[in-house]
Amino acid sequence: MSEPREPRTDFEPERDDKLSTAELAGAGDQADRRADRSAGEPRTFDGPDWEAEGAAPVFPEKEADALRVEWDAIQASFVDEPRRAVEEADHLVAATMKRLAESFAEERARLEGQWDRGDDVSTEDLRVALRRYRSFFTRLLSA
């Protein structure tokens, strides 16, 4: 078993390996298989408004802001280099989807790690995890 890994709090899109959405789609559940089991604190991105609206943030604010900045740069480059902008958009979307899958895998691995050690996982921890899944799933399927 590998050493526990701290949940990632910073986000830099993985630009070097130029992952594409097509490659990500073929990757299956590799992120799930690579996830380290961690007993860290739950990653709930509770803000003052999300519960009232029924939607938990998918990423912490710092990560979301970094993604928006990157997207804005890609969109601004479209006029001069449309093909490159589309390629960069694909890479950014793939890196974001990969990070999203990693965050869910980390949360699940943390809960499973507790179960494997025979620790009780509180109903509240499970409720928060399920709400995060539901919130994301609902937004994913919305029009």
N, C-alpha and C. Protein backbone atom coordinates (compact mmCIF):
# COMPACT_ATOMS: atom_id res chain seq x y z
N MET A 1 0.86 -1.18 0.00
CA MET A 1 0.00 0.00 0.00
C MET A 1 0.89 1.23 0.00
N SER A 2 0.60 2.21 -0.81
CA SER A 2 1.42 3.40 -0.89
C SER A 2 1.09 4.37 0.24
N GLU A 3 1.97 5.32 0.39
CA GLU A 3 1.77 6.34 1.42
C GLU A 3 0.54 7.16 1.11
N PRO A 4 -0.21 7.59 2.15
CA PRO A 4 -1.39 8.44 1.91
C PRO A 4 -0.97 9.72 1.20
N ARG A 5 -1.80 10.18 0.31
CA ARG A 5 -1.53 11.37 -0.46
C ARG A 5 -2.47 12.47 0.00
N GLU A 6 -1.95 13.65 0.15
CA GLU A 6 -2.78 14.80 0.51
C GLU A 6 -3.67 15.15 -0.67
N PRO A 7 -4.93 15.50 -0.41
CA PRO A 7 -5.79 15.94 -1.52
C PRO A 7 -5.19 17.17 -2.19
N ARG A 8 -5.32 17.21 -3.48
CA ARG A 8 -4.77 18.31 -4.26
C ARG A 8 -5.58 19.57 -4.02
N THR A 9 -4.89 20.67 -3.72
CA THR A 9 -5.61 21.93 -3.49
C THR A 9 -5.28 22.96 -4.55
N ASP A 10 -4.25 22.73 -5.33
CA ASP A 10 -3.92 23.64 -6.41
C ASP A 10 -4.30 22.96 -7.71
N PHE A 11 -4.40 23.73 -8.77
CA PHE A 11 -4.73 23.11 -10.03
C PHE A 11 -3.98 23.80 -11.14
N GLU A 12 -3.21 23.03 -11.83
CA GLU A 12 -2.56 23.47 -13.05
C GLU A 12 -2.97 22.45 -14.11
N PRO A 13 -3.66 22.88 -15.15
CA PRO A 13 -4.03 21.91 -16.18
C PRO A 13 -2.80 21.20 -16.70
N GLU A 14 -2.89 19.91 -16.92
CA GLU A 14 -1.76 19.13 -17.39
C GLU A 14 -1.56 19.39 -18.87
N ARG A 15 -0.76 20.40 -19.16
CA ARG A 15 -0.57 20.84 -20.54
C ARG A 15 0.57 20.07 -21.22
N ASP A 16 1.52 19.55 -20.46
CA ASP A 16 2.68 18.91 -21.06
C ASP A 16 2.34 17.64 -21.81
N ASP A 17 1.49 16.79 -21.22
CA ASP A 17 1.20 15.53 -21.87
C ASP A 17 0.08 15.65 -22.89
N LYS A 18 -0.55 16.77 -23.00
CA LYS A 18 -1.57 17.06 -24.03
C LYS A 18 -2.61 15.96 -24.13
N LEU A 19 -3.18 15.61 -23.00
CA LEU A 19 -4.26 14.63 -22.96
C LEU A 19 -5.44 15.19 -23.75
N SER A 20 -6.04 14.34 -24.56
CA SER A 20 -7.22 14.77 -25.32
C SER A 20 -8.46 14.12 -24.73
N THR A 21 -9.60 14.66 -25.08
CA THR A 21 -10.85 14.05 -24.60
C THR A 21 -11.01 12.65 -25.17
N ALA A 22 -10.53 12.41 -26.39
CA ALA A 22 -10.62 11.08 -26.97
C ALA A 22 -9.78 10.09 -26.17
N GLU A 23 -8.58 10.50 -25.76
CA GLU A 23 -7.73 9.63 -24.94
C GLU A 23 -8.35 9.39 -23.58
N LEU A 24 -8.94 10.43 -23.03
CA LEU A 24 -9.58 10.30 -21.72
C LEU A 24 -10.75 9.31 -21.79
N ALA A 25 -11.50 9.38 -22.85
CA ALA A 25 -12.64 8.47 -23.00
C ALA A 25 -12.18 7.02 -23.07
N GLY A 26 -11.01 6.78 -23.64
CA GLY A 26 -10.48 5.43 -23.75
C GLY A 26 -9.73 4.97 -22.52
N ALA A 27 -9.54 5.87 -21.57
CA ALA A 27 -8.73 5.54 -20.40
C ALA A 27 -9.48 4.67 -19.40
N GLY A 28 -10.78 4.55 -19.54
CA GLY A 28 -11.56 3.74 -18.62
C GLY A 28 -11.47 4.27 -17.22
N ASP A 29 -11.27 3.38 -16.29
CA ASP A 29 -11.23 3.82 -14.89
C ASP A 29 -9.81 3.78 -14.34
N GLN A 30 -8.81 4.18 -15.15
CA GLN A 30 -7.43 4.19 -14.68
C GLN A 30 -7.24 5.09 -13.48
N ALA A 31 -7.87 6.24 -13.47
CA ALA A 31 -7.74 7.13 -12.31
C ALA A 31 -8.26 6.44 -11.07
N ASP A 32 -9.32 5.65 -11.23
CA ASP A 32 -9.89 4.92 -10.11
C ASP A 32 -8.89 3.89 -9.60
N ARG A 33 -8.23 3.18 -10.50
CA ARG A 33 -7.27 2.15 -10.10
C ARG A 33 -6.03 2.76 -9.47
N ARG A 34 -5.65 3.98 -9.86
CA ARG A 34 -4.45 4.61 -9.34
C ARG A 34 -4.68 5.37 -8.05
N ALA A 35 -5.93 5.58 -7.69
CA ALA A 35 -6.24 6.40 -6.51
C ALA A 35 -5.62 5.79 -5.26
N ASP A 36 -4.93 6.63 -4.50
CA ASP A 36 -4.37 6.19 -3.23
C ASP A 36 -5.47 6.20 -2.20
N ARG A 37 -5.43 5.25 -1.31
CA ARG A 37 -6.38 5.25 -0.20
C ARG A 37 -5.87 6.22 0.84
N SER A 38 -6.71 7.16 1.17
CA SER A 38 -6.31 8.21 2.09
C SER A 38 -7.34 8.36 3.18
N ALA A 39 -6.84 8.62 4.37
CA ALA A 39 -7.74 8.83 5.51
C ALA A 39 -7.87 10.32 5.81
N GLY A 40 -7.64 11.16 4.82
CA GLY A 40 -7.70 12.60 5.02
C GLY A 40 -9.10 13.08 5.32
N GLU A 41 -9.21 14.36 5.54
CA GLU A 41 -10.50 14.97 5.84
C GLU A 41 -11.39 14.92 4.61
N PRO A 42 -12.69 14.85 4.79
CA PRO A 42 -13.61 14.85 3.65
C PRO A 42 -13.44 16.10 2.82
N ARG A 43 -13.54 15.96 1.51
CA ARG A 43 -13.43 17.10 0.62
C ARG A 43 -14.83 17.58 0.30
N THR A 44 -15.35 18.39 1.14
CA THR A 44 -16.66 18.98 0.87
C THR A 44 -16.43 20.44 0.57
N PHE A 45 -16.96 20.90 -0.50
CA PHE A 45 -16.73 22.27 -0.92
C PHE A 45 -17.95 23.11 -0.55
N ASP A 46 -18.33 22.94 0.70
CA ASP A 46 -19.50 23.65 1.18
C ASP A 46 -19.24 25.14 1.18
N GLY A 47 -20.13 25.86 0.59
CA GLY A 47 -20.09 27.30 0.66
C GLY A 47 -21.38 27.76 1.30
N PRO A 48 -21.50 29.03 1.53
CA PRO A 48 -22.71 29.49 2.21
C PRO A 48 -23.98 29.31 1.39
N ASP A 49 -23.87 29.23 0.07
CA ASP A 49 -25.06 29.21 -0.76
C ASP A 49 -25.39 27.85 -1.38
N TRP A 50 -24.41 26.94 -1.46
CA TRP A 50 -24.65 25.74 -2.26
C TRP A 50 -25.76 24.87 -1.72
N GLU A 51 -25.89 24.77 -0.42
CA GLU A 51 -26.92 23.89 0.11
C GLU A 51 -28.32 24.43 -0.19
N ALA A 52 -28.47 25.74 -0.09
CA ALA A 52 -29.77 26.34 -0.39
C ALA A 52 -30.15 26.14 -1.86
N GLU A 53 -29.14 26.18 -2.73
CA GLU A 53 -29.39 26.01 -4.16
C GLU A 53 -29.39 24.54 -4.55
N GLY A 54 -28.91 23.66 -3.69
CA GLY A 54 -28.86 22.25 -3.99
C GLY A 54 -27.72 21.84 -4.90
N ALA A 55 -26.71 22.70 -5.09
CA ALA A 55 -25.59 22.38 -5.97
C ALA A 55 -24.27 22.64 -5.26
N ALA A 56 -23.51 21.57 -5.04
CA ALA A 56 -22.19 21.70 -4.43
C ALA A 56 -21.19 22.08 -5.52
N PRO A 57 -20.23 22.95 -5.22
CA PRO A 57 -19.21 23.26 -6.22
C PRO A 57 -18.45 21.99 -6.60
N VAL A 58 -18.12 21.85 -7.86
CA VAL A 58 -17.39 20.69 -8.33
C VAL A 58 -15.92 20.79 -7.91
N PHE A 59 -15.37 22.00 -7.96
CA PHE A 59 -13.99 22.24 -7.58
C PHE A 59 -13.94 23.33 -6.53
N PRO A 60 -12.90 23.31 -5.69
CA PRO A 60 -12.71 24.44 -4.77
C PRO A 60 -12.55 25.72 -5.59
N GLU A 61 -12.84 26.84 -4.98
CA GLU A 61 -12.85 28.13 -5.68
C GLU A 61 -11.53 28.43 -6.37
N LYS A 62 -10.41 28.14 -5.73
CA LYS A 62 -9.09 28.43 -6.32
C LYS A 62 -8.89 27.65 -7.63
N GLU A 63 -9.27 26.38 -7.62
CA GLU A 63 -9.15 25.57 -8.84
C GLU A 63 -10.09 26.09 -9.93
N ALA A 64 -11.31 26.40 -9.56
CA ALA A 64 -12.28 26.90 -10.54
C ALA A 64 -11.79 28.21 -11.16
N ASP A 65 -11.23 29.09 -10.34
CA ASP A 65 -10.71 30.35 -10.85
C ASP A 65 -9.57 30.12 -11.84
N ALA A 66 -8.67 29.17 -11.53
CA ALA A 66 -7.56 28.87 -12.44
C ALA A 66 -8.08 28.32 -13.77
N LEU A 67 -9.10 27.50 -13.70
CA LEU A 67 -9.69 26.97 -14.93
C LEU A 67 -10.34 28.07 -15.77
N ARG A 68 -11.02 28.98 -15.11
CA ARG A 68 -11.65 30.10 -15.85
C ARG A 68 -10.61 30.97 -16.53
N VAL A 69 -9.51 31.25 -15.85
CA VAL A 69 -8.43 32.05 -16.44
C VAL A 69 -7.87 31.35 -17.67
N GLU A 70 -7.64 30.05 -17.54
CA GLU A 70 -7.13 29.28 -18.67
C GLU A 70 -8.12 29.30 -19.83
N TRP A 71 -9.40 29.11 -19.53
CA TRP A 71 -10.42 29.13 -20.58
C TRP A 71 -10.46 30.49 -21.28
N ASP A 72 -10.42 31.56 -20.51
CA ASP A 72 -10.45 32.90 -21.09
C ASP A 72 -9.29 33.12 -22.06
N ALA A 73 -8.10 32.62 -21.70
CA ALA A 73 -6.93 32.76 -22.58
C ALA A 73 -7.13 31.97 -23.87
N ILE A 74 -7.69 30.79 -23.76
CA ILE A 74 -7.94 29.97 -24.95
C ILE A 74 -8.97 30.66 -25.84
N GLN A 75 -10.04 31.14 -25.25
CA GLN A 75 -11.08 31.80 -26.03
C GLN A 75 -10.56 33.06 -26.71
N ALA A 76 -9.72 33.82 -26.02
CA ALA A 76 -9.15 35.03 -26.60
C ALA A 76 -8.22 34.72 -27.77
N SER A 77 -7.60 33.55 -27.77
CA SER A 77 -6.67 33.19 -28.84
C SER A 77 -7.37 32.68 -30.10
N PHE A 78 -8.67 32.46 -30.03
CA PHE A 78 -9.41 31.88 -31.15
C PHE A 78 -9.32 32.72 -32.42
N VAL A 79 -9.41 34.02 -32.31
CA VAL A 79 -9.42 34.90 -33.48
C VAL A 79 -8.14 34.73 -34.30
N ASP A 80 -6.99 34.68 -33.61
CA ASP A 80 -5.71 34.57 -34.31
C ASP A 80 -5.36 33.14 -34.70
N GLU A 81 -5.74 32.18 -33.88
CA GLU A 81 -5.37 30.78 -34.14
C GLU A 81 -6.53 29.85 -33.77
N PRO A 82 -7.56 29.81 -34.61
CA PRO A 82 -8.74 29.03 -34.26
C PRO A 82 -8.47 27.53 -34.05
N ARG A 83 -7.67 26.94 -34.92
CA ARG A 83 -7.39 25.50 -34.77
C ARG A 83 -6.66 25.22 -33.46
N ARG A 84 -5.65 26.01 -33.17
CA ARG A 84 -4.90 25.83 -31.94
C ARG A 84 -5.80 26.05 -30.73
N ALA A 85 -6.70 27.02 -30.80
CA ALA A 85 -7.62 27.29 -29.68
C ALA A 85 -8.51 26.08 -29.42
N VAL A 86 -9.00 25.45 -30.48
CA VAL A 86 -9.85 24.26 -30.31
C VAL A 86 -9.03 23.12 -29.72
N GLU A 87 -7.81 22.93 -30.18
CA GLU A 87 -6.95 21.89 -29.61
C GLU A 87 -6.69 22.15 -28.13
N GLU A 88 -6.38 23.40 -27.79
CA GLU A 88 -6.12 23.76 -26.40
C GLU A 88 -7.38 23.60 -25.54
N ALA A 89 -8.53 23.92 -26.11
CA ALA A 89 -9.79 23.73 -25.39
C ALA A 89 -10.01 22.25 -25.09
N ASP A 90 -9.73 21.41 -26.07
CA ASP A 90 -9.87 19.96 -25.87
C ASP A 90 -8.94 19.49 -24.75
N HIS A 91 -7.70 19.96 -24.74
CA HIS A 91 -6.75 19.57 -23.70
C HIS A 91 -7.20 20.05 -22.32
N LEU A 92 -7.72 21.26 -22.27
CA LEU A 92 -8.18 21.80 -20.99
C LEU A 92 -9.39 21.01 -20.48
N VAL A 93 -10.32 20.70 -21.37
CA VAL A 93 -11.49 19.92 -20.96
C VAL A 93 -11.05 18.54 -20.49
N ALA A 94 -10.12 17.91 -21.20
CA ALA A 94 -9.64 16.59 -20.79
C ALA A 94 -8.95 16.65 -19.43
N ALA A 95 -8.10 17.65 -19.21
CA ALA A 95 -7.41 17.79 -17.92
C ALA A 95 -8.42 18.04 -16.80
N THR A 96 -9.45 18.82 -17.09
CA THR A 96 -10.47 19.12 -16.09
C THR A 96 -11.28 17.87 -15.76
N MET A 97 -11.65 17.10 -16.78
CA MET A 97 -12.39 15.86 -16.55
C MET A 97 -11.54 14.87 -15.75
N LYS A 98 -10.26 14.81 -16.07
CA LYS A 98 -9.36 13.91 -15.34
C LYS A 98 -9.28 14.33 -13.88
N ARG A 99 -9.14 15.62 -13.63
CA ARG A 99 -9.06 16.11 -12.25
C ARG A 99 -10.36 15.83 -11.51
N LEU A 100 -11.47 16.00 -12.19
CA LEU A 100 -12.77 15.72 -11.59
C LEU A 100 -12.87 14.25 -11.19
N ALA A 101 -12.49 13.37 -12.11
CA ALA A 101 -12.52 11.94 -11.79
C ALA A 101 -11.59 11.63 -10.62
N GLU A 102 -10.43 12.27 -10.58
CA GLU A 102 -9.50 12.06 -9.47
C GLU A 102 -10.11 12.50 -8.14
N SER A 103 -10.82 13.62 -8.16
CA SER A 103 -11.39 14.12 -6.90
C SER A 103 -12.46 13.17 -6.36
N PHE A 104 -13.28 12.61 -7.27
CA PHE A 104 -14.28 11.64 -6.82
C PHE A 104 -13.60 10.35 -6.36
N ALA A 105 -12.55 9.91 -7.07
CA ALA A 105 -11.82 8.70 -6.68
C ALA A 105 -11.14 8.89 -5.32
N GLU A 106 -10.60 10.08 -5.08
CA GLU A 106 -9.97 10.36 -3.78
C GLU A 106 -10.99 10.28 -2.65
N GLU A 107 -12.16 10.86 -2.89
CA GLU A 107 -13.20 10.83 -1.87
C GLU A 107 -13.66 9.41 -1.60
N ARG A 108 -13.87 8.64 -2.65
CA ARG A 108 -14.30 7.26 -2.47
C ARG A 108 -13.20 6.44 -1.79
N ALA A 109 -11.95 6.65 -2.19
CA ALA A 109 -10.83 5.91 -1.58
C ALA A 109 -10.71 6.23 -0.10
N ARG A 110 -10.97 7.47 0.27
CA ARG A 110 -10.92 7.85 1.68
C ARG A 110 -11.97 7.09 2.46
N LEU A 111 -13.19 7.05 1.94
CA LEU A 111 -14.26 6.32 2.62
C LEU A 111 -13.96 4.82 2.67
N GLU A 112 -13.51 4.25 1.56
CA GLU A 112 -13.18 2.83 1.53
C GLU A 112 -12.03 2.50 2.47
N GLY A 113 -11.06 3.42 2.58
CA GLY A 113 -9.96 3.22 3.51
C GLY A 113 -10.45 3.12 4.94
N GLN A 114 -11.42 3.94 5.27
CA GLN A 114 -12.01 3.88 6.61
C GLN A 114 -12.73 2.55 6.81
N TRP A 115 -13.46 2.10 5.80
CA TRP A 115 -14.18 0.83 5.91
C TRP A 115 -13.19 -0.32 6.05
N ASP A 116 -12.11 -0.29 5.24
CA ASP A 116 -11.12 -1.36 5.27
C ASP A 116 -10.45 -1.48 6.63
N ARG A 117 -10.28 -0.36 7.32
CA ARG A 117 -9.66 -0.37 8.65
C ARG A 117 -10.68 -0.72 9.73
N GLY A 118 -11.93 -0.88 9.33
CA GLY A 118 -12.98 -1.19 10.30
C GLY A 118 -13.51 0.04 11.02
N ASP A 119 -13.10 1.23 10.55
CA ASP A 119 -13.59 2.47 11.15
C ASP A 119 -15.03 2.70 10.73
N ASP A 120 -15.77 3.28 11.63
CA ASP A 120 -17.13 3.67 11.29
C ASP A 120 -17.08 4.95 10.47
N VAL A 121 -17.85 4.97 9.41
CA VAL A 121 -18.02 6.18 8.62
C VAL A 121 -19.38 6.72 9.00
N SER A 122 -19.40 7.96 9.40
CA SER A 122 -20.66 8.52 9.88
C SER A 122 -21.67 8.65 8.75
N THR A 123 -22.90 8.56 9.11
CA THR A 123 -23.97 8.77 8.14
C THR A 123 -23.86 10.17 7.53
N GLU A 124 -23.41 11.12 8.32
CA GLU A 124 -23.25 12.49 7.81
C GLU A 124 -22.18 12.53 6.72
N ASP A 125 -21.04 11.85 6.92
CA ASP A 125 -20.00 11.81 5.89
C ASP A 125 -20.55 11.19 4.61
N LEU A 126 -21.31 10.13 4.76
CA LEU A 126 -21.89 9.47 3.59
C LEU A 126 -22.94 10.34 2.92
N ARG A 127 -23.73 11.05 3.72
CA ARG A 127 -24.74 11.96 3.17
C ARG A 127 -24.08 13.05 2.35
N VAL A 128 -22.99 13.62 2.87
CA VAL A 128 -22.27 14.68 2.16
C VAL A 128 -21.70 14.14 0.85
N ALA A 129 -21.12 12.95 0.90
CA ALA A 129 -20.56 12.35 -0.32
C ALA A 129 -21.66 12.12 -1.36
N LEU A 130 -22.78 11.54 -0.92
CA LEU A 130 -23.87 11.27 -1.86
C LEU A 130 -24.45 12.56 -2.43
N ARG A 131 -24.56 13.59 -1.61
CA ARG A 131 -25.06 14.88 -2.12
C ARG A 131 -24.13 15.45 -3.18
N ARG A 132 -22.83 15.30 -2.98
CA ARG A 132 -21.87 15.81 -3.96
C ARG A 132 -22.03 15.05 -5.27
N TYR A 133 -22.16 13.73 -5.19
CA TYR A 133 -22.40 12.94 -6.41
C TYR A 133 -23.69 13.37 -7.08
N ARG A 134 -24.76 13.49 -6.30
CA ARG A 134 -26.07 13.87 -6.86
C ARG A 134 -26.00 15.25 -7.51
N SER A 135 -25.38 16.19 -6.84
CA SER A 135 -25.27 17.55 -7.37
C SER A 135 -24.56 17.55 -8.71
N PHE A 136 -23.43 16.85 -8.78
CA PHE A 136 -22.69 16.79 -10.03
C PHE A 136 -23.49 16.07 -11.11
N PHE A 137 -24.07 14.93 -10.77
CA PHE A 137 -24.83 14.14 -11.74
C PHE A 137 -26.01 14.93 -12.30
N THR A 138 -26.71 15.64 -11.45
CA THR A 138 -27.85 16.44 -11.87
C THR A 138 -27.41 17.53 -12.86
N ARG A 139 -26.33 18.22 -12.52
CA ARG A 139 -25.83 19.26 -13.43
C ARG A 139 -25.32 18.69 -14.73
N LEU A 140 -24.73 17.51 -14.67
CA LEU A 140 -24.20 16.87 -15.88
C LEU A 140 -25.33 16.56 -16.86
N LEU A 141 -26.49 16.18 -16.34
CA LEU A 141 -27.61 15.81 -17.20
C LEU A 141 -28.55 16.96 -17.52
N SER A 142 -28.32 18.13 -16.94
CA SER A 142 -29.23 19.25 -17.19
C SER A 142 -29.02 19.82 -18.58
N ALA A 143 -30.08 20.42 -19.08
CA ALA A 143 -30.04 20.98 -20.43
C ALA A 143 -29.35 22.31 -20.46
